[in-house]
Amino acid sequence: MTAIKRLAGQTAIYGIPSVLGRILGYLLVPLYTYVFRPGDYGTVNVFYAYTSFLMVILTYGMETTFFRFNEHEKDRDKVFSTAMISLIISSALFLVVVLFFAEDVARWIDYTDHPEYVRWFAWILALDAMAAIPFAYLRAQNRPARFAWVKMTNITLNILLNLFFLVLCPFVLRHYPDGFFGRFITCIYRPHWGIEYIFISNLAASSITLIMLTPQISGVKWKINPELWKKMLFYAFPLLFAGMAGIVNETFDRLLLRYLLPKDIASYQVGIYTACYKISILMTIFIQAYKYAAEPFFFAQAKEKDAKEVYAKIMDYFIIIVSLIFLVTMLYLDDFILPMLVRRKEYWAGRGVIPVLMMANLFLGVYYNLSIWYKLTAKTSWGAWLSLIGAVITLVLNFWWIPLSSEHLIYSYYGSAWATFICYGSMMILSYLIGQKYFPVKYNLIKFAGYLGLSVLLYVISSIIKPDLSILRIGFHSILLLIFLGIVYLVEKPRLLTFR
């Protein structure tokens, strides 16, 4: 239980930047949609979709590889230095090539008039890739507070710069152009720029982040170990393909919606889908925070005799929490969450995809828990195969279900949501079945099905019985939530006593 308490505490600390970052980042969405036209805002999302994919390529599984070798090699400084130098060299090569061919790249992705976007994102990607191992080093050293501080600085600076360029500068130039501050802004601000300032803000934040990680980078012994490097690449190579396939699962649905739907409605449909996708914010925040804490924890715990028992217990608690997040979100969706997070009611047309996407992200969280088997056993090729299977499911179902016509109005983003659900559900089931062969862990499947089924059942009841008065509806939903918590308490009471 001590180990589980430590994991819970670190998950909470790692969650601080994730929670605040996601919340503050979400608050920028109304600003962006107010300041920019749909086409401009679409450009922002397209570039960040490309960025997600390229970031996986530029880090090529080296973070997870670092954790694995950090636990197995006696000379940990050698592991850190080898991983760090590898990423520095590859990031520098990427940066030089993209900067040299920026205009060609811009033409290839159909942004011929804006090669500067390509150059800025090349810098962002290179800086973020070089920061990956220092961040992993902080996690391996069990320094979640320092990790959270650097992450929060990045997030806060990015948001403040967005507000400065998109809100404050235009306001000052409109109302106080002749003042000292107005003259200062005139020197640094270009009124004809718009989304450019989103990219510039990100670039500045990434630069400051790498500078803040200098204490960790300064510990690098500038000598790479060729034999160790080969071993690390051999371990990491399948993780690269797993990561690439994973990004296809996470982001390509929005790109496919843009390119497969009729042009006159594509941006509108993508806007609705993206806004509804963000409602799963609580689930994704918890899973991200948990993933940050769990990966180094699982590798360190593998040395203990009761490691598999601990993994099984952690899965029990994980299922309870994600089932609770699903239930809370769905019970209070209409009365609180949608009105607070999505102000314009035209976005609410996509409400039906929210439970599907919430459950899909729950499956993904369980898959992250299960995936430890192929990382601990160095069978990372299985991770690549599982993600590849998921990517194939994502692409096939999206190409099949997205096309919208007057005869089949149920398609569009509903097809993308169900494709995500089936993709992550399939990966979860396959990972469990294969993992039990190579690294058997006695997960409590009865509890898994019981807690998950209970949360879905209570949600279905809330959908059938819907009092008209909002106060009655909230009260009834609160009773359903208490029923879930009461059943969990009764089942888990003997184990909870051991936490005292």
Foldseek 3Di string as FASTA:
>chain_A
DVLLVLLVVQLVLLLVLLVVLLVLVLVCVVVCPVQDPLVVVVVVLVVVLVLLLVLLVLLLQLLLLLLQVCLVDPPNLQSLQQSLVVSLVSLVVQLVVCVVCLQVVCVVVVNNVCSVLSNLSSLLSSLVSSCSSLLSVCLLVVNSNLSSVLSNQLSVQLSVQCCCQSPVLVVCCVPPCPDPVNVVSVVPHDVVDDCVSNSVSNSVSSVVSSVSSVVVVVSHDNDHDVVVSVVSSLLSNLVSLLSSLVSLLVRVLLVLLCVQEPPVCSSVLSVLLVLLLSLLSVLVSSLVSSLSNVSSSLSVLVVDPCSLVVLQVSLLVLLLVLLLSLLVSLLCVPPPSCVVSPVDCVSCVPVVLNSLSSLLSSLLSLLSSLVVLCSNVSVSNVSSVLSNQLSVLQVVQSVVFQYDDPVCNCGRVVSNSNSSNVSSNSSSVVSQVVSCVRPNHPHDVVSNCVSNVLSVVLSVVLVVDADPDPVVSSVVSVVSSVVSVVVCCVVCVVVVVVVD
